[in-house]
Protein backbone atom coordinates (compact mmCIF):
# COMPACT_ATOMS: atom_id res chain seq x y z
CA UNK A 1 45.23 128.83 57.87
CA UNK A 2 48.61 127.20 57.28
CA UNK A 3 50.09 130.59 56.36
CA UNK A 4 49.03 131.94 59.73
CA UNK A 5 50.77 129.14 61.59
CA UNK A 6 53.89 129.52 59.46
CA UNK A 7 53.92 133.20 60.38
CA UNK A 8 53.83 132.22 64.05
CA UNK A 9 57.09 130.35 63.56
CA UNK A 10 58.77 133.54 62.35
CA UNK A 11 57.81 135.50 65.43
CA UNK A 12 60.37 135.93 68.19
CA UNK A 13 60.32 133.11 70.72
CA UNK A 14 59.65 135.78 73.31
CA UNK A 15 55.95 135.48 72.59
CA UNK A 16 55.80 132.13 74.32
CA UNK A 17 58.35 132.26 77.10
CA UNK A 18 57.67 135.30 79.20
CA UNK A 19 57.09 133.63 82.52
CA UNK A 20 59.79 131.39 83.95
CA UNK A 21 60.85 130.93 87.56
CA UNK A 22 64.43 130.69 88.80
CA UNK A 23 66.57 132.55 91.33
CA UNK A 24 66.92 135.53 88.98
CA UNK A 25 63.14 135.92 89.02
CA UNK A 26 63.20 136.20 92.79
CA UNK A 27 66.00 138.77 92.69
CA UNK A 28 64.13 140.91 90.15
CA UNK A 29 60.85 140.72 92.05
CA UNK A 30 62.61 141.82 95.23
CA UNK A 31 63.16 145.15 93.47
CA UNK A 32 59.51 145.56 92.56
CA UNK A 33 58.10 145.35 89.05
CA UNK A 34 60.82 147.61 87.70
CA UNK A 35 60.85 151.12 86.35
CA UNK A 36 58.61 151.42 83.31
CA UNK A 37 60.85 153.83 81.46
CA UNK A 38 63.91 151.56 81.80
CA UNK A 39 61.77 148.61 80.70
CA UNK A 40 60.70 150.29 77.46
CA UNK A 41 64.18 151.53 76.53
CA UNK A 42 65.88 148.22 77.39
CA UNK A 43 67.92 149.25 80.40
CA UNK A 44 67.31 146.16 82.48
CA UNK A 45 69.32 143.03 83.25
CA UNK A 46 69.77 140.52 80.41
CA UNK A 47 72.49 137.92 80.72
CA UNK A 48 74.82 136.30 78.14
CA UNK A 49 74.53 132.64 77.10
CA UNK A 50 77.65 131.69 79.06
CA UNK A 51 75.91 132.81 82.26
CA UNK A 52 73.12 130.26 81.65
CA UNK A 53 75.31 127.40 80.40
CA UNK A 54 77.45 127.66 83.55
CA UNK A 55 74.36 127.79 85.75
CA UNK A 56 72.82 124.76 84.08
CA UNK A 57 76.02 122.71 84.47
CA UNK A 58 76.39 123.69 88.14
CA UNK A 59 72.73 123.05 89.02
CA UNK A 60 72.68 119.63 87.34
CA UNK A 61 75.89 118.68 89.10
CA UNK A 62 74.42 119.65 92.48
CA UNK A 63 71.19 117.80 91.75
CA UNK A 64 73.07 114.53 91.40
CA UNK A 65 74.16 114.98 95.02
CA UNK A 66 71.06 116.74 96.41
CA UNK A 67 67.94 115.74 94.45
CA UNK A 68 65.71 117.18 97.20
CA UNK A 69 66.78 120.78 96.44
CA UNK A 70 63.82 121.59 94.23
CA UNK A 71 64.96 125.09 93.33
CA UNK A 72 67.90 123.57 91.45
CA UNK A 73 65.53 121.89 88.99
CA UNK A 74 64.02 125.29 88.23
CA UNK A 75 67.44 126.91 87.82
CA UNK A 76 68.72 124.19 85.51
CA UNK A 77 65.52 123.98 83.44
CA UNK A 78 65.14 127.74 82.96
CA UNK A 79 68.82 128.03 82.02
CA UNK A 80 68.31 125.35 79.36
CA UNK A 81 65.22 127.16 78.06
CA UNK A 82 67.12 130.45 77.86
CA UNK A 83 69.59 128.64 75.63
CA UNK A 84 66.71 127.27 73.47
CA UNK A 85 67.33 123.74 74.72
CA UNK A 86 63.62 123.18 75.16
CA UNK A 87 63.57 119.37 75.20
CA UNK A 88 66.25 119.40 77.89
CA UNK A 89 64.31 122.01 79.87
CA UNK A 90 61.18 119.85 79.78
CA UNK A 91 63.11 116.75 80.87
CA UNK A 92 64.59 118.63 83.82
CA UNK A 93 61.29 120.09 84.98
CA UNK A 94 59.63 116.67 84.67
CA UNK A 95 62.36 115.25 86.91
CA UNK A 96 61.22 117.79 89.51
CA UNK A 97 57.62 116.65 89.09
CA UNK A 98 58.61 112.98 89.47
CA UNK A 99 60.53 113.71 92.68
CA UNK A 100 57.58 115.65 94.14
CA UNK A 101 55.19 112.83 93.28
CA UNK A 102 57.46 110.38 95.08
CA UNK A 103 57.85 112.70 98.11
CA UNK A 104 54.48 114.48 98.41
CA UNK A 105 55.05 115.65 101.97
CA UNK A 106 58.28 117.41 101.01
CA UNK A 107 56.80 119.50 98.20
CA UNK A 108 55.08 122.78 99.05
CA UNK A 109 52.27 124.42 97.03
CA UNK A 110 54.84 126.95 95.83
CA UNK A 111 57.03 124.13 94.49
CA UNK A 112 54.07 122.85 92.49
CA UNK A 113 53.19 126.34 91.31
CA UNK A 114 56.70 126.83 89.92
CA UNK A 115 56.56 123.46 88.22
CA UNK A 116 53.32 124.33 86.39
CA UNK A 117 54.52 127.84 85.49
CA UNK A 118 57.80 126.60 84.04
CA UNK A 119 56.44 123.48 82.34
CA UNK A 120 53.64 125.45 80.70
CA UNK A 121 56.05 128.07 79.40
CA UNK A 122 58.45 125.43 78.05
CA UNK A 123 55.72 123.58 76.13
CA UNK A 124 54.34 126.76 74.59
CA UNK A 125 57.81 127.98 73.65
CA UNK A 126 58.75 124.57 72.21
CA UNK A 127 55.70 124.63 69.95
CA UNK A 128 56.74 127.95 68.45
CA UNK A 129 60.41 127.01 68.36
CA UNK A 130 59.61 123.83 66.40
CA UNK A 131 57.79 125.73 63.64
CA UNK A 132 54.30 126.29 65.06
CA UNK A 133 53.04 123.18 63.30
CA UNK A 134 49.21 123.37 63.25
CA UNK A 135 49.02 119.59 63.42
CA UNK A 136 50.79 119.76 66.81
CA UNK A 137 48.87 122.69 68.28
CA UNK A 138 47.88 120.45 71.18
CA UNK A 139 51.33 121.14 72.57
CA UNK A 140 50.54 124.85 72.75
CA UNK A 141 47.21 124.02 74.37
CA UNK A 142 48.99 121.83 76.89
CA UNK A 143 51.27 124.72 77.73
CA UNK A 144 48.23 126.95 78.09
CA UNK A 145 46.55 124.53 80.53
CA UNK A 146 49.69 124.21 82.65
CA UNK A 147 50.02 128.01 82.93
CA UNK A 148 46.33 128.22 83.89
CA UNK A 149 46.97 125.64 86.62
CA UNK A 150 49.89 127.71 87.91
CA UNK A 151 47.65 130.79 88.11
CA UNK A 152 45.02 128.84 90.03
CA UNK A 153 47.67 128.03 92.65
CA UNK A 154 49.13 131.52 92.90
CA UNK A 155 47.13 134.33 91.30
CA UNK A 156 49.40 137.11 92.55
CA UNK A 157 52.74 135.67 91.44
CA UNK A 158 54.98 137.61 89.08
CA UNK A 159 52.92 140.73 89.86
CA UNK A 160 50.04 139.07 87.99
CA UNK A 161 51.97 138.81 84.74
CA UNK A 162 51.13 135.13 84.26
CA UNK A 163 47.56 136.32 83.74
CA UNK A 164 48.85 138.23 80.72
CA UNK A 165 50.99 135.32 79.56
CA UNK A 166 47.84 133.21 79.56
CA UNK A 167 45.98 135.93 77.66
CA UNK A 168 48.82 136.04 75.13
CA UNK A 169 48.58 132.29 74.48
CA UNK A 170 44.78 132.51 74.25
CA UNK A 171 45.18 135.36 71.76
CA UNK A 172 47.50 133.21 69.61
CA UNK A 173 44.97 130.36 69.74
CA UNK A 174 42.23 132.78 68.61
CA UNK A 175 44.05 133.03 65.22
CA UNK A 176 44.17 136.85 64.94
CA UNK A 177 44.29 138.33 61.44
CA UNK A 178 43.58 142.08 61.38
CA UNK A 179 44.66 145.16 63.33
CA UNK A 180 41.28 145.11 65.04
CA UNK A 181 42.33 141.77 66.53
CA UNK A 182 45.67 142.98 67.92
CA UNK A 183 46.81 141.75 71.31
CA UNK A 184 46.22 145.17 72.84
CA UNK A 185 42.64 145.35 71.58
CA UNK A 186 42.13 141.74 72.65
CA UNK A 187 43.02 142.82 76.20
CA UNK A 188 40.86 145.93 75.90
CA UNK A 189 37.77 143.96 74.90
CA UNK A 190 38.25 141.78 77.95
CA UNK A 191 38.77 144.83 80.19
CA UNK A 192 42.31 143.63 80.96
CA UNK A 193 43.87 147.07 80.82
CA UNK A 194 44.86 149.83 83.23
CA UNK A 195 47.70 149.76 85.73
CA UNK A 196 47.60 145.99 86.24
CA UNK A 197 47.96 145.37 82.50
CA UNK A 198 50.84 147.83 82.21
CA UNK A 199 52.61 146.11 85.09
CA UNK A 200 51.92 142.66 83.62
CA UNK A 201 53.12 143.53 80.13
CA UNK A 202 56.24 145.21 81.50
CA UNK A 203 56.87 141.99 83.43
CA UNK A 204 56.71 140.00 80.19
CA UNK A 205 59.52 142.21 78.90
CA UNK A 206 61.73 142.35 82.00
CA UNK A 207 61.39 138.86 83.45
CA UNK A 208 60.89 136.95 80.22
CA UNK A 209 62.05 137.51 76.70
CA UNK A 210 59.45 139.83 75.23
CA UNK A 211 62.05 142.55 74.70
CA UNK A 212 61.84 141.82 70.96
CA UNK A 213 58.11 141.15 70.69
CA UNK A 214 56.24 143.57 68.42
CA UNK A 215 52.88 142.43 69.79
CA UNK A 216 53.74 142.85 73.47
CA UNK A 217 55.11 146.38 72.96
CA UNK A 218 52.13 147.26 70.77
CA UNK A 219 49.82 146.08 73.56
CA UNK A 220 51.84 148.06 76.12
CA UNK A 221 51.46 151.16 73.93
CA UNK A 222 47.71 150.55 73.73
CA UNK A 223 47.28 150.10 77.50
CA UNK A 224 49.41 153.17 78.27
CA UNK A 225 47.30 155.26 75.90
CA UNK A 226 44.09 154.05 77.56
CA UNK A 227 45.62 155.03 80.90
CA UNK A 228 46.40 158.51 79.45
CA UNK A 229 50.15 158.10 79.93
CA UNK A 230 50.72 159.79 76.61
CA UNK A 231 54.47 160.26 76.41
CA UNK A 232 55.19 156.75 77.62
CA UNK A 233 52.68 155.44 75.09
CA UNK A 234 54.55 157.27 72.35
CA UNK A 235 57.85 155.87 73.62
CA UNK A 236 56.46 152.31 73.51
CA UNK A 237 55.18 153.01 70.00
CA UNK A 238 58.67 154.14 68.96
CA UNK A 239 60.00 150.82 70.26
CA UNK A 240 57.45 149.03 68.07
CA UNK A 241 58.74 150.97 65.06
CA UNK A 242 62.33 150.10 65.97
CA UNK A 243 61.47 146.39 66.08
CA UNK A 244 59.64 146.53 62.75
CA UNK A 245 62.61 148.21 61.07
CA UNK A 246 64.85 145.43 62.41
CA UNK A 247 62.64 142.84 60.72
CA UNK A 248 60.71 141.62 63.74
CA UNK A 249 57.25 140.39 62.83
CA UNK A 250 53.84 140.69 64.43
CA UNK A 251 51.50 137.72 64.54
CA UNK A 252 49.06 139.81 62.54
CA UNK A 253 49.51 139.28 58.77
CA UNK A 254 48.47 142.87 57.97
CA UNK A 255 50.04 144.61 60.96
CA UNK A 256 50.63 148.30 60.21
CA UNK A 257 52.77 150.47 62.44
CA UNK A 258 51.82 154.13 62.61
CA UNK A 259 53.91 157.01 63.95
CA UNK A 260 50.88 159.32 64.13
CA UNK A 261 50.22 160.21 67.81
CA UNK A 262 46.49 159.91 67.10
CA UNK A 263 47.09 156.22 66.36
CA UNK A 264 47.72 155.80 70.07
CA UNK A 265 44.01 156.14 70.60
CA UNK A 266 44.22 159.42 72.50
CA UNK A 267 41.18 161.65 72.31
CA UNK A 268 43.23 164.74 73.14
CA UNK A 269 46.67 166.19 72.29
CA UNK A 270 49.69 164.56 73.87
CA UNK A 271 51.75 166.14 76.60
CA UNK A 272 55.04 167.56 75.39
CA UNK A 273 56.51 167.91 71.97
CA UNK A 274 56.47 164.76 69.81
CA UNK A 275 59.82 165.55 68.20
CA UNK A 276 61.40 166.13 71.59
CA UNK A 277 60.07 162.75 72.73
CA UNK A 278 61.58 161.13 69.65
CA UNK A 279 64.95 162.74 70.32
CA UNK A 280 64.80 161.59 73.93
CA UNK A 281 63.93 158.07 72.80
CA UNK A 282 66.92 157.87 70.45
CA UNK A 283 69.26 159.13 73.17
CA UNK A 284 67.83 156.83 75.84
CA UNK A 285 68.00 153.78 73.55
CA UNK A 286 71.60 154.55 72.64
CA UNK A 287 72.57 154.92 76.28
CA UNK A 288 70.68 151.74 77.20
CA UNK A 289 72.54 149.77 74.51
CA UNK A 290 75.86 151.16 75.76
CA UNK A 291 74.89 150.18 79.31
CA UNK A 292 73.99 146.67 78.15
CA UNK A 293 77.28 146.23 76.24
CA UNK A 294 79.34 147.42 79.22
CA UNK A 295 77.51 145.13 81.62
CA UNK A 296 77.73 142.13 79.28
CA UNK A 297 81.42 142.73 78.61
CA UNK A 298 82.14 142.88 82.34
CA UNK A 299 80.19 139.65 82.91
CA UNK A 300 81.77 137.68 80.05
CA UNK A 301 85.33 138.51 81.14
CA UNK A 302 84.63 137.13 84.61
CA UNK A 303 82.53 134.19 83.45
CA UNK A 304 85.38 133.08 81.17
CA UNK A 305 87.64 133.18 84.22
CA UNK A 306 85.35 130.63 85.88
CA UNK A 307 83.57 133.13 88.14
CA UNK A 308 79.76 133.25 88.37
CA UNK A 309 77.46 135.46 90.45
CA UNK A 310 75.67 132.35 91.80
CA UNK A 311 78.80 131.23 93.61
CA UNK A 312 81.11 134.24 93.76
CA UNK A 313 79.92 137.00 96.16
CA UNK A 314 82.62 139.31 94.80
CA UNK A 315 81.63 138.84 91.16
CA UNK A 316 80.33 142.41 90.78
CA UNK A 317 83.18 144.08 92.65
CA UNK A 318 84.65 146.80 90.48
CA UNK A 319 81.55 147.21 88.32
CA UNK A 320 80.25 150.79 88.17
CA UNK A 321 76.65 151.24 87.16
CA UNK A 322 75.84 154.61 85.64
CA UNK A 323 72.41 155.96 86.64
CA UNK A 324 69.71 156.48 84.04
CA UNK A 325 69.52 160.09 82.83
CA UNK A 326 65.80 160.82 82.76
CA UNK A 327 64.78 163.70 80.44
CA UNK A 328 64.48 167.01 82.27
CA UNK A 329 60.94 167.78 81.20
CA UNK A 330 58.39 166.22 83.54
CA UNK A 331 56.35 164.26 81.05
CA UNK A 332 58.26 160.97 81.37
CA UNK A 333 57.54 160.65 85.06
CA UNK A 334 54.19 162.42 85.07
CA UNK A 335 52.93 161.79 81.53
CA UNK A 336 49.37 161.25 82.57
CA UNK A 337 46.12 162.95 81.71
CA UNK A 338 43.37 163.36 84.27
CA UNK A 339 40.11 163.02 82.43
CA UNK A 340 38.06 164.19 85.40
CA UNK A 341 40.24 167.28 85.76
CA UNK A 342 39.74 168.12 82.10
CA UNK A 343 35.98 167.66 82.39
CA UNK A 344 35.76 169.96 85.41
CA UNK A 345 38.06 172.43 83.70
CA UNK A 346 35.71 172.52 80.74
CA UNK A 347 32.70 173.07 82.99
CA UNK A 348 34.42 175.94 84.77
CA UNK A 349 35.40 177.50 81.46
CA UNK A 350 31.88 177.30 80.03
CA UNK A 351 30.28 178.66 83.21
CA UNK A 352 32.91 181.36 83.80
CA UNK A 353 30.54 184.21 82.76
CA UNK A 354 28.19 183.13 85.56
CA UNK A 355 30.64 182.62 88.43
CA UNK A 356 32.63 185.72 87.43
CA UNK A 357 29.52 187.81 86.95
CA UNK A 358 27.78 186.97 90.25
CA UNK A 359 30.29 188.87 92.47
CA UNK A 360 30.06 191.89 90.17
CA UNK A 361 26.26 191.82 90.31
CA UNK A 362 26.28 191.54 94.13
CA UNK A 363 28.72 194.45 94.38
CA UNK A 364 26.54 196.61 92.10
CA UNK A 365 23.40 195.85 94.15
CA UNK A 366 25.16 196.68 97.44
CA UNK A 367 26.39 200.01 96.08
CA UNK A 368 22.94 200.81 94.75
CA UNK A 369 21.32 200.24 98.15
CA UNK A 370 23.89 202.43 99.87
CA UNK A 371 23.53 205.29 97.40
CA UNK A 372 21.75 208.29 99.08
CA UNK A 373 18.42 209.37 97.52
CA UNK A 374 18.64 212.30 95.16
CA UNK A 375 17.06 215.65 96.21
CA UNK A 376 13.42 216.15 95.24
CA UNK A 377 12.54 212.49 95.28
């Protein structure tokens, strides 16, 4: 048992902090849940530490003058959490709670929802960050209960991804051990798959820190395969392999990564050529890393000059964003099987002798009726 909890401490902190609310969350959600391909390859906005340290300092300074601006508590606390200052994040978010308790008429249900969502995430993350001590698992359970409270106040928030954050914490508390108890199969057994699951898991990657979580990408692969999005499932599986090679660990002690397309759980061949998909993945990942380095370099140079996008409307002036080059073959955007279409196709194939033969039989009968009688009969 202790070995399992020690293993938890080695897992990326992304497992426990996928669902935090600040102004960046609102900006990302204004765009929609994000393109799935760019999510898997890592071509989405991730900010350097200096961005968060400057935001935290500014928000705390403003709070001393305007303690009623509740969004500033969220900004400051999430910034601290992004910098792994979990105790500071919890103190800040509890200051928000104290103010709302003192001024109940000034706090909206959404203010309380954000408090519970952030506080729950901070407690769960702090438990992992502090070594996943089994004797202090109550802290993880407290985080779980706070996230559940947030969901009860706003079920649709974050495109439903908090539902999957809660499932992730529940999965950790279930003490998984074998591949049959993976996070993806945990979701499958609870019928938490399909388009909603794909959107929720992608949200854990984009809006949280699950970009380096083996278990979240493995679950995304599993849900994509169940949804018959074969090429995207393979791409997510390639991301799992990339993480494993970099030394990232699954919560499962005997986790085994397979590159066999059949391991995706597909009951039929995949669209496209597997090797072509692998080549596309390597190219897309390389381009995404280049995009990330360029963006981060641009940001750091301006942040060091004292400029920040929160306060400088011209911060991004001069930055040129290169568009994503999607592979030419159609499988990335339409990599989906239609089971019903395949079933009907099979029926038509099996019955083809009948529906092809009927017109021929009718034509023969018509000709026979029109044939004049032979002489002497």
